[in-house]
Amino acid sequence: MPRNEHYLQIAADRSMIQDLLGRYAFAIDYETGNPGLWASLFAEDGRFEIPIMKLVVEGRAALTQFAAGLHRTLPGLHHVMTNSYVDVDGDRAKGKCELNEFLLRPEAIYNNLQGWYEDDYVRDGERWCFGVRRVFFPRDSSRVTTSGPIGEYFRDYLAFCQQFRRE
């Protein structure tokens, strides 16, 4: 691909989307008093989904409610996203990245989830945001979040998520 204006625009878009991923992690992990910040990273009608749980959170109001519930039921959660790629197509893009999630508790730091995100991004004016963010993880990994000490810590979160289930 020649290094022309189009090439530079795609590079800038990818950089802005990478920035979005960082803002996502910091908003959900550390901005516990401001769940609307996490929701603002999504399009107005954006969605967060966990297909294996049949969880669908749609729209900024519901996304804000979801982030507040996550902060309340799983304090100390930390998201690490790596190995990302993005394919830009005008004002839309698709991407994937690996997800490792850790849970900080007084007795230990637990590695409670390994999986990946599949994202649809949309340009909203001068910024990129999530149109849809889906979380995937291997089926057998759900045992980690439902048993042992991690299962105990996740109990309230999983109960909270029931209101967002779609059959």
Foldseek 3Di string as FASTA:
>chain_A
DDPDPVVVVVVVQVVQVVVLVVQLQCCLQPVLVCLLSNLVLEDQQAWEEAVVQQFIQTGSVSSSVLSNQCCVQQHQKGKDWDDKDWDDDPQKIKMKTWIWMWGDDPVDIHRLFTWMWIFIWGDDPPHIHTRYIYTDGDPVSVVSCCDDPNNVSCVSVSVVRVVRHDD
